[in-house]
Amino acid sequence: MLKSMKNGAERMRDIVMSLQNFSPMDEESMKPTDIHESIDGVLGILHNIIKKGIEVVKEYGKLSNVTCYPALLSQVFMNTINYCLEALVAATDAKSKPTITIRTEMTDSEAIVRIAENGPGMSADVVDRISFSCVFLYICGRYQAEPGNEGWGCSLPGIIEAKHGGKLSCTSTPGEGTEFVIYLPLGNS
C-alpha cells in the first residue's frame, strides 16, 4: 500500500510540474526551453489516454534549448498529440498497433519536431482546411473571445509562425496516417 501511495504522489507531482508549462504568465517573454522536457510534460498530462493501447515512440535527437514562449509551445504539442490520439482512437480498422511517433532533430538553423500517427489519414483537401485555417486551440480548453483576451489562444500557425518565426507543415495519406512537422529557428537561442 505504501508503494502505491508513493507512486500516486509521484504521479501527482509530475502532473503539477507538467501543468506549470501551460501557465499563461509564460507568454510574457521568450526564454530558453528544453523541447524534450516540454513534450514529456504533455505526454505526462495525457498519460491516462495514451495508456489505452496506444504506443508512443520517442526518437529524440540532440537538441539545444530553443528560445520560445514555453506555454504556447506546450499548447502546440498538447493539441497536436491530442489530435493524433483522437485519430487513433477513432480508427476502427487498424492494420497495425496504434502508434504515435515523436522525432526531434536539429540543423544549423532550426530545431525540428515531427509528430506522426499511423491512423486513417486525411485527404489533401481536409489537410488544407484543418491544418492552417483558423482552428483555434486554447490553453486548458478555455475559450475566451472577449476583446483583450486574444493572448489565451491562437491558431497553430499563429503560435509557430507569428510568435516564434517558425514553420508548421502537415502531410497525410489516407490509410497511412498523418505527420505534423514543427520547425523552430535557433537564431534566438
N, C-alpha and C. Protein backbone atom coordinates (compact mmCIF):
# COMPACT_ATOMS: atom_id res chain seq x y z
N MET A 1 0.83 -1.19 0.00
CA MET A 1 0.00 0.00 0.00
C MET A 1 0.88 1.26 0.00
N LEU A 2 2.00 1.23 0.75
CA LEU A 2 2.91 2.38 0.76
C LEU A 2 3.50 2.64 -0.62
N LYS A 3 3.84 1.57 -1.33
CA LYS A 3 4.39 1.72 -2.68
C LYS A 3 3.36 2.37 -3.61
N SER A 4 2.11 1.96 -3.47
CA SER A 4 1.04 2.53 -4.29
C SER A 4 0.85 4.00 -3.96
N MET A 5 0.90 4.36 -2.69
CA MET A 5 0.76 5.76 -2.28
C MET A 5 1.93 6.59 -2.82
N LYS A 6 3.14 6.03 -2.74
CA LYS A 6 4.32 6.74 -3.26
C LYS A 6 4.20 6.97 -4.76
N ASN A 7 3.77 5.94 -5.50
CA ASN A 7 3.59 6.07 -6.95
C ASN A 7 2.55 7.13 -7.27
N GLY A 8 1.45 7.15 -6.51
CA GLY A 8 0.40 8.14 -6.72
C GLY A 8 0.89 9.55 -6.46
N ALA A 9 1.67 9.72 -5.38
CA ALA A 9 2.22 11.04 -5.06
C ALA A 9 3.19 11.51 -6.13
N GLU A 10 4.03 10.61 -6.63
CA GLU A 10 4.98 10.97 -7.70
C GLU A 10 4.22 11.35 -8.96
N ARG A 11 3.16 10.63 -9.26
CA ARG A 11 2.36 10.92 -10.46
C ARG A 11 1.72 12.31 -10.33
N MET A 12 1.19 12.62 -9.15
CA MET A 12 0.58 13.94 -8.93
C MET A 12 1.64 15.03 -9.07
N ARG A 13 2.83 14.82 -8.53
CA ARG A 13 3.92 15.80 -8.65
C ARG A 13 4.25 16.04 -10.13
N ASP A 14 4.34 14.94 -10.89
CA ASP A 14 4.66 15.07 -12.32
C ASP A 14 3.59 15.85 -13.07
N ILE A 15 2.32 15.61 -12.74
CA ILE A 15 1.22 16.33 -13.40
C ILE A 15 1.28 17.82 -13.06
N VAL A 16 1.51 18.15 -11.79
CA VAL A 16 1.59 19.55 -11.40
C VAL A 16 2.75 20.24 -12.11
N MET A 17 3.90 19.58 -12.17
CA MET A 17 5.05 20.16 -12.86
C MET A 17 4.76 20.34 -14.35
N SER A 18 4.05 19.38 -14.95
CA SER A 18 3.70 19.49 -16.36
C SER A 18 2.74 20.64 -16.61
N LEU A 19 1.79 20.82 -15.70
CA LEU A 19 0.81 21.91 -15.86
C LEU A 19 1.46 23.28 -15.75
N GLN A 20 2.57 23.39 -15.04
CA GLN A 20 3.27 24.67 -14.93
C GLN A 20 3.73 25.16 -16.29
N ASN A 21 3.98 24.24 -17.23
CA ASN A 21 4.40 24.64 -18.57
C ASN A 21 3.29 25.38 -19.32
N PHE A 22 2.04 25.26 -18.83
CA PHE A 22 0.92 25.89 -19.50
C PHE A 22 0.53 27.22 -18.87
N SER A 23 1.31 27.69 -17.93
CA SER A 23 1.00 28.93 -17.24
C SER A 23 0.93 30.09 -18.22
N PRO A 24 -0.18 30.85 -18.25
CA PRO A 24 -0.28 32.00 -19.15
C PRO A 24 0.80 33.04 -18.89
N MET A 25 1.38 33.06 -17.69
CA MET A 25 2.44 34.01 -17.40
C MET A 25 3.66 33.76 -18.28
N ASP A 26 3.83 32.51 -18.75
CA ASP A 26 4.95 32.19 -19.62
C ASP A 26 4.87 32.90 -20.96
N GLU A 27 3.67 33.40 -21.30
CA GLU A 27 3.50 34.05 -22.59
C GLU A 27 4.17 35.42 -22.63
N GLU A 28 4.50 35.95 -21.48
CA GLU A 28 5.02 37.31 -21.42
C GLU A 28 6.39 37.47 -22.05
N SER A 29 7.23 36.47 -21.95
CA SER A 29 8.56 36.61 -22.51
C SER A 29 9.08 35.27 -23.02
N MET A 30 9.96 35.39 -23.99
CA MET A 30 10.59 34.19 -24.53
C MET A 30 11.74 33.80 -23.61
N LYS A 31 11.95 32.49 -23.48
CA LYS A 31 13.07 32.03 -22.68
C LYS A 31 13.56 30.69 -23.21
N PRO A 32 14.83 30.36 -22.96
CA PRO A 32 15.37 29.08 -23.42
C PRO A 32 14.58 27.92 -22.79
N THR A 33 14.17 26.99 -23.63
CA THR A 33 13.31 25.89 -23.18
C THR A 33 13.82 24.57 -23.73
N ASP A 34 13.78 23.55 -22.90
CA ASP A 34 14.12 22.19 -23.31
C ASP A 34 12.88 21.59 -23.98
N ILE A 35 12.95 21.43 -25.29
CA ILE A 35 11.81 20.93 -26.07
C ILE A 35 11.41 19.53 -25.61
N HIS A 36 12.39 18.69 -25.34
CA HIS A 36 12.08 17.32 -24.90
C HIS A 36 11.32 17.33 -23.57
N GLU A 37 11.71 18.19 -22.67
CA GLU A 37 11.03 18.31 -21.39
C GLU A 37 9.59 18.78 -21.60
N SER A 38 9.39 19.70 -22.52
CA SER A 38 8.06 20.20 -22.83
C SER A 38 7.17 19.08 -23.39
N ILE A 39 7.71 18.31 -24.33
CA ILE A 39 6.95 17.20 -24.91
C ILE A 39 6.65 16.15 -23.84
N ASP A 40 7.65 15.82 -23.02
CA ASP A 40 7.44 14.82 -21.97
C ASP A 40 6.38 15.29 -20.97
N GLY A 41 6.33 16.60 -20.70
CA GLY A 41 5.30 17.14 -19.82
C GLY A 41 3.91 16.92 -20.39
N VAL A 42 3.77 17.15 -21.68
CA VAL A 42 2.48 16.93 -22.35
C VAL A 42 2.12 15.46 -22.30
N LEU A 43 3.08 14.59 -22.57
CA LEU A 43 2.82 13.15 -22.52
C LEU A 43 2.40 12.73 -21.11
N GLY A 44 2.98 13.37 -20.10
CA GLY A 44 2.60 13.07 -18.72
C GLY A 44 1.14 13.43 -18.44
N ILE A 45 0.72 14.58 -18.95
CA ILE A 45 -0.67 15.01 -18.76
C ILE A 45 -1.63 14.07 -19.49
N LEU A 46 -1.24 13.59 -20.67
CA LEU A 46 -2.09 12.72 -21.47
C LEU A 46 -1.91 11.24 -21.14
N HIS A 47 -1.17 10.94 -20.09
CA HIS A 47 -0.80 9.57 -19.73
C HIS A 47 -1.99 8.60 -19.71
N ASN A 48 -3.08 8.99 -19.07
CA ASN A 48 -4.22 8.08 -18.95
C ASN A 48 -4.88 7.77 -20.29
N ILE A 49 -4.86 8.72 -21.21
CA ILE A 49 -5.41 8.47 -22.53
C ILE A 49 -4.46 7.60 -23.33
N ILE A 50 -3.18 7.90 -23.24
CA ILE A 50 -2.18 7.18 -24.03
C ILE A 50 -2.11 5.72 -23.65
N LYS A 51 -2.25 5.39 -22.38
CA LYS A 51 -2.06 4.01 -21.95
C LYS A 51 -3.15 3.07 -22.44
N LYS A 52 -4.17 3.57 -23.08
CA LYS A 52 -5.27 2.74 -23.55
C LYS A 52 -4.92 2.08 -24.89
N GLY A 53 -3.82 1.40 -24.95
CA GLY A 53 -3.47 0.62 -26.14
C GLY A 53 -2.74 1.38 -27.22
N ILE A 54 -2.37 2.61 -26.96
CA ILE A 54 -1.65 3.40 -27.96
C ILE A 54 -0.18 3.46 -27.54
N GLU A 55 0.68 3.13 -28.47
CA GLU A 55 2.11 3.16 -28.20
C GLU A 55 2.68 4.52 -28.59
N VAL A 56 3.56 5.05 -27.76
CA VAL A 56 4.26 6.29 -28.07
C VAL A 56 5.74 5.97 -28.23
N VAL A 57 6.27 6.27 -29.41
CA VAL A 57 7.69 6.04 -29.70
C VAL A 57 8.37 7.40 -29.72
N LYS A 58 9.37 7.56 -28.86
CA LYS A 58 10.13 8.81 -28.82
C LYS A 58 11.50 8.56 -29.41
N GLU A 59 11.80 9.27 -30.47
CA GLU A 59 13.12 9.18 -31.11
C GLU A 59 13.73 10.58 -31.04
N TYR A 60 14.23 10.91 -29.86
CA TYR A 60 14.77 12.24 -29.62
C TYR A 60 16.21 12.32 -30.09
N GLY A 61 16.47 13.33 -30.90
CA GLY A 61 17.83 13.64 -31.31
C GLY A 61 18.42 14.64 -30.33
N LYS A 62 19.64 15.01 -30.56
CA LYS A 62 20.29 16.00 -29.70
C LYS A 62 19.76 17.39 -30.08
N LEU A 63 19.22 18.09 -29.08
CA LEU A 63 18.68 19.44 -29.31
C LEU A 63 19.25 20.40 -28.29
N SER A 64 19.54 21.59 -28.75
CA SER A 64 19.86 22.69 -27.83
C SER A 64 18.54 23.24 -27.32
N ASN A 65 18.58 23.98 -26.22
CA ASN A 65 17.38 24.68 -25.78
C ASN A 65 16.97 25.66 -26.87
N VAL A 66 15.66 25.84 -27.02
CA VAL A 66 15.12 26.75 -28.02
C VAL A 66 14.48 27.93 -27.29
N THR A 67 14.81 29.14 -27.70
CA THR A 67 14.19 30.32 -27.09
C THR A 67 12.79 30.45 -27.65
N CYS A 68 11.80 30.38 -26.75
CA CYS A 68 10.41 30.37 -27.19
C CYS A 68 9.50 30.84 -26.05
N TYR A 69 8.20 30.88 -26.34
CA TYR A 69 7.18 31.09 -25.33
C TYR A 69 6.78 29.68 -24.86
N PRO A 70 7.26 29.21 -23.72
CA PRO A 70 7.05 27.82 -23.31
C PRO A 70 5.58 27.39 -23.22
N ALA A 71 4.71 28.25 -22.69
CA ALA A 71 3.30 27.87 -22.56
C ALA A 71 2.66 27.68 -23.93
N LEU A 72 2.97 28.57 -24.85
CA LEU A 72 2.38 28.46 -26.19
C LEU A 72 2.91 27.24 -26.93
N LEU A 73 4.19 26.97 -26.79
CA LEU A 73 4.77 25.81 -27.46
C LEU A 73 4.21 24.52 -26.87
N SER A 74 4.04 24.47 -25.55
CA SER A 74 3.42 23.30 -24.92
C SER A 74 1.99 23.13 -25.42
N GLN A 75 1.31 24.25 -25.66
CA GLN A 75 -0.05 24.21 -26.20
C GLN A 75 -0.05 23.56 -27.58
N VAL A 76 0.91 23.90 -28.40
CA VAL A 76 1.01 23.29 -29.74
C VAL A 76 1.24 21.79 -29.62
N PHE A 77 2.17 21.39 -28.76
CA PHE A 77 2.44 19.97 -28.58
C PHE A 77 1.20 19.25 -28.04
N MET A 78 0.53 19.85 -27.07
CA MET A 78 -0.67 19.24 -26.48
C MET A 78 -1.73 19.00 -27.54
N ASN A 79 -2.02 20.02 -28.32
CA ASN A 79 -3.10 19.89 -29.30
C ASN A 79 -2.73 18.98 -30.46
N THR A 80 -1.48 18.99 -30.86
CA THR A 80 -1.05 18.11 -31.95
C THR A 80 -1.07 16.65 -31.50
N ILE A 81 -0.52 16.38 -30.33
CA ILE A 81 -0.52 15.00 -29.82
C ILE A 81 -1.94 14.54 -29.54
N ASN A 82 -2.76 15.42 -29.00
CA ASN A 82 -4.16 15.08 -28.73
C ASN A 82 -4.90 14.78 -30.03
N TYR A 83 -4.63 15.55 -31.09
CA TYR A 83 -5.24 15.25 -32.39
C TYR A 83 -4.87 13.83 -32.82
N CYS A 84 -3.59 13.50 -32.69
CA CYS A 84 -3.13 12.16 -33.08
C CYS A 84 -3.84 11.08 -32.26
N LEU A 85 -3.98 11.32 -30.97
CA LEU A 85 -4.69 10.35 -30.12
C LEU A 85 -6.13 10.17 -30.57
N GLU A 86 -6.80 11.28 -30.84
CA GLU A 86 -8.20 11.20 -31.28
C GLU A 86 -8.32 10.45 -32.60
N ALA A 87 -7.41 10.69 -33.52
CA ALA A 87 -7.44 9.98 -34.80
C ALA A 87 -7.25 8.48 -34.60
N LEU A 88 -6.34 8.11 -33.71
CA LEU A 88 -6.09 6.69 -33.47
C LEU A 88 -7.24 6.02 -32.73
N VAL A 89 -7.83 6.72 -31.77
CA VAL A 89 -8.96 6.15 -31.03
C VAL A 89 -10.17 5.98 -31.96
N ALA A 90 -10.36 6.91 -32.89
CA ALA A 90 -11.50 6.87 -33.81
C ALA A 90 -11.33 5.81 -34.89
N ALA A 91 -10.09 5.40 -35.16
CA ALA A 91 -9.83 4.41 -36.22
C ALA A 91 -10.39 3.05 -35.80
N THR A 92 -11.21 2.48 -36.64
CA THR A 92 -11.81 1.19 -36.31
C THR A 92 -11.17 0.04 -37.07
N ASP A 93 -10.49 0.35 -38.16
CA ASP A 93 -9.91 -0.71 -38.99
C ASP A 93 -8.38 -0.68 -38.94
N ALA A 94 -7.84 -0.62 -37.72
CA ALA A 94 -6.39 -0.53 -37.56
C ALA A 94 -5.71 -1.78 -38.11
N LYS A 95 -4.74 -1.55 -39.01
CA LYS A 95 -3.98 -2.66 -39.59
C LYS A 95 -2.76 -2.98 -38.75
N SER A 96 -2.34 -2.04 -37.93
CA SER A 96 -1.18 -2.24 -37.06
C SER A 96 -1.45 -1.58 -35.72
N LYS A 97 -0.58 -1.82 -34.75
CA LYS A 97 -0.74 -1.25 -33.41
C LYS A 97 -0.79 0.27 -33.52
N PRO A 98 -1.82 0.91 -32.93
CA PRO A 98 -1.90 2.38 -32.96
C PRO A 98 -0.65 2.99 -32.32
N THR A 99 0.04 3.84 -33.09
CA THR A 99 1.32 4.39 -32.63
C THR A 99 1.43 5.86 -32.96
N ILE A 100 1.96 6.61 -31.99
CA ILE A 100 2.36 8.00 -32.21
C ILE A 100 3.87 8.01 -32.13
N THR A 101 4.50 8.57 -33.14
CA THR A 101 5.96 8.65 -33.16
C THR A 101 6.36 10.12 -33.09
N ILE A 102 7.24 10.42 -32.14
CA ILE A 102 7.72 11.79 -31.96
C ILE A 102 9.23 11.78 -32.19
N ARG A 103 9.66 12.52 -33.21
CA ARG A 103 11.09 12.60 -33.54
C ARG A 103 11.55 14.04 -33.43
N THR A 104 12.76 14.22 -32.95
CA THR A 104 13.34 15.56 -32.91
C THR A 104 14.71 15.51 -33.53
N GLU A 105 15.09 16.63 -34.14
CA GLU A 105 16.41 16.76 -34.72
C GLU A 105 16.77 18.23 -34.78
N MET A 106 18.03 18.50 -35.03
CA MET A 106 18.48 19.88 -35.10
C MET A 106 19.39 20.05 -36.31
N THR A 107 19.18 21.15 -37.02
CA THR A 107 20.09 21.52 -38.10
C THR A 107 20.89 22.72 -37.60
N ASP A 108 21.68 23.33 -38.46
CA ASP A 108 22.44 24.51 -38.06
C ASP A 108 21.54 25.69 -37.70
N SER A 109 20.33 25.72 -38.27
CA SER A 109 19.48 26.89 -38.09
C SER A 109 18.15 26.64 -37.37
N GLU A 110 17.76 25.38 -37.17
CA GLU A 110 16.45 25.14 -36.58
C GLU A 110 16.35 23.81 -35.84
N ALA A 111 15.40 23.78 -34.91
CA ALA A 111 15.01 22.54 -34.24
C ALA A 111 13.77 22.03 -34.98
N ILE A 112 13.71 20.73 -35.19
CA ILE A 112 12.59 20.15 -35.94
C ILE A 112 11.93 19.10 -35.05
N VAL A 113 10.60 19.22 -34.91
CA VAL A 113 9.82 18.26 -34.15
C VAL A 113 8.80 17.64 -35.10
N ARG A 114 8.84 16.31 -35.20
CA ARG A 114 7.90 15.57 -36.05
C ARG A 114 6.99 14.75 -35.15
N ILE A 115 5.68 14.95 -35.29
CA ILE A 115 4.70 14.19 -34.52
C ILE A 115 3.79 13.49 -35.53
N ALA A 116 3.83 12.16 -35.53
CA ALA A 116 3.10 11.39 -36.54
C ALA A 116 2.26 10.30 -35.88
N GLU A 117 1.17 9.96 -36.53
CA GLU A 117 0.35 8.83 -36.10
C GLU A 117 0.10 7.94 -37.31
N ASN A 118 -0.13 6.65 -37.05
CA ASN A 118 -0.36 5.70 -38.13
C ASN A 118 -1.83 5.35 -38.29
N GLY A 119 -2.69 6.35 -38.09
CA GLY A 119 -4.14 6.16 -38.16
C GLY A 119 -4.67 6.22 -39.58
N PRO A 120 -5.93 6.64 -39.71
CA PRO A 120 -6.61 6.59 -41.00
C PRO A 120 -6.16 7.62 -42.02
N GLY A 121 -5.48 8.66 -41.59
CA GLY A 121 -5.04 9.70 -42.52
C GLY A 121 -6.18 10.56 -43.01
N MET A 122 -5.82 11.56 -43.81
CA MET A 122 -6.81 12.52 -44.31
C MET A 122 -6.52 12.81 -45.78
N SER A 123 -7.55 13.25 -46.48
CA SER A 123 -7.35 13.66 -47.87
C SER A 123 -6.69 15.04 -47.89
N ALA A 124 -6.12 15.41 -49.03
CA ALA A 124 -5.40 16.68 -49.16
C ALA A 124 -6.30 17.88 -48.87
N ASP A 125 -7.56 17.85 -49.30
CA ASP A 125 -8.43 19.00 -49.06
C ASP A 125 -8.75 19.14 -47.57
N VAL A 126 -8.87 18.03 -46.85
CA VAL A 126 -9.10 18.12 -45.40
C VAL A 126 -7.86 18.68 -44.71
N VAL A 127 -6.68 18.25 -45.12
CA VAL A 127 -5.43 18.77 -44.54
C VAL A 127 -5.37 20.28 -44.74
N ASP A 128 -5.68 20.74 -45.94
CA ASP A 128 -5.65 22.18 -46.21
C ASP A 128 -6.63 22.94 -45.31
N ARG A 129 -7.80 22.36 -45.09
CA ARG A 129 -8.81 23.04 -44.28
C ARG A 129 -8.46 23.03 -42.80
N ILE A 130 -8.00 21.89 -42.28
CA ILE A 130 -7.82 21.82 -40.83
C ILE A 130 -6.49 22.33 -40.33
N SER A 131 -5.44 22.15 -41.11
CA SER A 131 -4.14 22.44 -40.53
C SER A 131 -3.81 23.92 -40.48
N PHE A 132 -4.28 24.68 -41.44
CA PHE A 132 -3.85 26.07 -41.45
C PHE A 132 -4.97 27.06 -41.62
N SER A 133 -6.18 26.61 -41.37
CA SER A 133 -7.29 27.55 -41.30
C SER A 133 -7.34 28.08 -39.88
N CYS A 134 -8.38 28.76 -39.54
CA CYS A 134 -8.46 29.32 -38.18
C CYS A 134 -8.97 28.27 -37.20
N VAL A 135 -8.18 27.24 -36.98
CA VAL A 135 -8.50 26.24 -35.98
C VAL A 135 -7.93 26.76 -34.67
N PHE A 136 -8.80 27.11 -33.75
CA PHE A 136 -8.33 27.72 -32.51
C PHE A 136 -8.12 26.66 -31.45
N LEU A 137 -6.95 26.73 -30.83
CA LEU A 137 -6.56 25.77 -29.80
C LEU A 137 -6.24 26.56 -28.54
N TYR A 138 -6.96 26.29 -27.47
CA TYR A 138 -6.84 27.13 -26.29
C TYR A 138 -6.24 26.39 -25.10
N ILE A 139 -5.44 27.11 -24.34
CA ILE A 139 -4.82 26.58 -23.14
C ILE A 139 -5.92 26.14 -22.18
N CYS A 140 -5.75 24.92 -21.65
CA CYS A 140 -6.67 24.35 -20.65
C CYS A 140 -8.11 24.32 -21.14
N GLY A 141 -8.34 24.31 -22.45
CA GLY A 141 -9.68 24.21 -23.00
C GLY A 141 -10.54 25.44 -22.81
N ARG A 142 -9.96 26.56 -22.37
CA ARG A 142 -10.76 27.76 -22.12
C ARG A 142 -10.92 28.55 -23.42
N TYR A 143 -12.13 28.94 -23.70
CA TYR A 143 -12.39 29.77 -24.87
C TYR A 143 -12.72 31.16 -24.37
N GLN A 144 -11.88 32.12 -24.70
CA GLN A 144 -12.12 33.49 -24.26
C GLN A 144 -12.02 34.41 -25.47
N ALA A 145 -13.16 34.76 -26.00
CA ALA A 145 -13.18 35.58 -27.21
C ALA A 145 -13.38 37.06 -26.91
N GLU A 146 -13.46 37.41 -25.62
CA GLU A 146 -13.68 38.81 -25.29
C GLU A 146 -12.50 39.64 -25.75
N PRO A 147 -12.73 40.91 -26.13
CA PRO A 147 -11.62 41.78 -26.52
C PRO A 147 -10.59 41.87 -25.41
N GLY A 148 -9.35 41.83 -25.79
CA GLY A 148 -8.26 41.92 -24.82
C GLY A 148 -7.79 40.57 -24.33
N ASN A 149 -8.50 39.49 -24.64
CA ASN A 149 -8.11 38.16 -24.19
C ASN A 149 -7.56 37.30 -25.32
N GLU A 150 -7.15 37.94 -26.40
CA GLU A 150 -6.66 37.19 -27.55
C GLU A 150 -5.43 36.35 -27.22
N GLY A 151 -4.68 36.74 -26.19
CA GLY A 151 -3.48 36.00 -25.82
C GLY A 151 -3.74 34.61 -25.29
N TRP A 152 -4.98 34.30 -24.95
CA TRP A 152 -5.29 32.98 -24.41
C TRP A 152 -5.19 31.90 -25.45
N GLY A 153 -5.22 32.23 -26.70
CA GLY A 153 -5.12 31.18 -27.69
C GLY A 153 -5.03 31.76 -29.08
N CYS A 154 -4.43 31.03 -29.95
CA CYS A 154 -4.41 31.42 -31.36
C CYS A 154 -4.18 30.16 -32.17
N SER A 155 -4.24 30.28 -33.46
CA SER A 155 -4.11 29.11 -34.30
C SER A 155 -2.70 28.56 -34.23
N LEU A 156 -2.55 27.30 -34.61
CA LEU A 156 -1.22 26.70 -34.65
C LEU A 156 -0.24 27.53 -35.47
N PRO A 157 -0.63 27.98 -36.67
CA PRO A 157 0.31 28.82 -37.42
C PRO A 157 0.63 30.12 -36.69
N GLY A 158 -0.37 30.67 -35.99
CA GLY A 158 -0.13 31.90 -35.25
C GLY A 158 0.93 31.71 -34.19
N ILE A 159 0.87 30.57 -33.50
CA ILE A 159 1.85 30.29 -32.46
C ILE A 159 3.22 30.03 -33.06
N ILE A 160 3.28 29.16 -34.05
CA ILE A 160 4.58 28.76 -34.60
C ILE A 160 5.17 29.83 -35.51
N GLU A 161 4.38 30.34 -36.44
CA GLU A 161 4.91 31.28 -37.43
C GLU A 161 5.01 32.71 -36.89
N ALA A 162 3.89 33.23 -36.41
CA ALA A 162 3.89 34.64 -35.98
C ALA A 162 4.64 34.85 -34.68
N LYS A 163 4.44 33.98 -33.70
CA LYS A 163 5.06 34.17 -32.38
C LYS A 163 6.51 33.69 -32.33
N HIS A 164 6.85 32.64 -33.09
CA HIS A 164 8.19 32.05 -32.98
C HIS A 164 9.03 32.16 -34.25
N GLY A 165 8.47 32.67 -35.33
CA GLY A 165 9.23 32.79 -36.58
C GLY A 165 9.54 31.44 -37.20
N GLY A 166 8.74 30.44 -36.87
CA GLY A 166 8.96 29.09 -37.38
C GLY A 166 8.03 28.73 -38.51
N LYS A 167 7.87 27.45 -38.72
CA LYS A 167 7.04 26.95 -39.80
C LYS A 167 6.36 25.67 -39.33
N LEU A 168 5.16 25.45 -39.83
CA LEU A 168 4.39 24.26 -39.49
C LEU A 168 3.91 23.62 -40.78
N SER A 169 4.09 22.31 -40.90
CA SER A 169 3.56 21.63 -42.07
C SER A 169 2.82 20.38 -41.63
N CYS A 170 1.93 19.93 -42.49
CA CYS A 170 1.15 18.73 -42.21
C CYS A 170 1.05 17.94 -43.50
N THR A 171 1.38 16.66 -43.40
CA THR A 171 1.19 15.77 -44.55
C THR A 171 0.38 14.57 -44.08
N SER A 172 -0.46 14.08 -44.96
CA SER A 172 -1.30 12.95 -44.59
C SER A 172 -1.64 12.15 -45.83
N THR A 173 -1.72 10.86 -45.64
CA THR A 173 -2.11 9.95 -46.71
C THR A 173 -3.24 9.08 -46.19
N PRO A 174 -4.39 9.09 -46.87
CA PRO A 174 -5.49 8.23 -46.41
C PRO A 174 -5.02 6.78 -46.27
N GLY A 175 -5.33 6.21 -45.12
CA GLY A 175 -4.96 4.82 -44.85
C GLY A 175 -3.56 4.65 -44.28
N GLU A 176 -2.77 5.73 -44.23
CA GLU A 176 -1.39 5.60 -43.75
C GLU A 176 -1.04 6.50 -42.57
N GLY A 177 -1.85 7.50 -42.27
CA GLY A 177 -1.59 8.34 -41.13
C GLY A 177 -1.26 9.78 -41.49
N THR A 178 -0.91 10.54 -40.47
CA THR A 178 -0.67 11.97 -40.59
C THR A 178 0.60 12.34 -39.84
N GLU A 179 1.35 13.31 -40.39
CA GLU A 179 2.54 13.80 -39.71
C GLU A 179 2.51 15.32 -39.69
N PHE A 180 2.73 15.87 -38.50
CA PHE A 180 2.90 17.30 -38.31
C PHE A 180 4.38 17.57 -38.10
N VAL A 181 4.91 18.59 -38.77
CA VAL A 181 6.32 18.93 -38.60
C VAL A 181 6.39 20.39 -38.17
N ILE A 182 7.09 20.61 -37.06
CA ILE A 182 7.24 21.94 -36.48
C ILE A 182 8.71 22.34 -36.60
N TYR A 183 8.96 23.47 -37.26
CA TYR A 183 10.33 23.98 -37.44
C TYR A 183 10.46 25.23 -36.57
N LEU A 184 11.42 25.22 -35.66
CA LEU A 184 11.64 26.36 -34.78
C LEU A 184 13.05 26.92 -34.99
N PRO A 185 13.18 28.19 -35.30
CA PRO A 185 14.51 28.75 -35.56
C PRO A 185 15.37 28.77 -34.30
N LEU A 186 16.67 28.55 -34.49
CA LEU A 186 17.62 28.57 -33.38
C LEU A 186 18.28 29.93 -33.23
N GLY A 187 18.02 30.84 -34.14
CA GLY A 187 18.68 32.14 -34.13
C GLY A 187 18.57 32.91 -32.84
N ASN A 188 17.49 32.71 -32.09
CA ASN A 188 17.29 33.44 -30.83
C ASN A 188 17.80 32.67 -29.63
N SER A 189 18.29 31.44 -29.83
CA SER A 189 18.66 30.60 -28.69
C SER A 189 19.95 31.05 -28.07
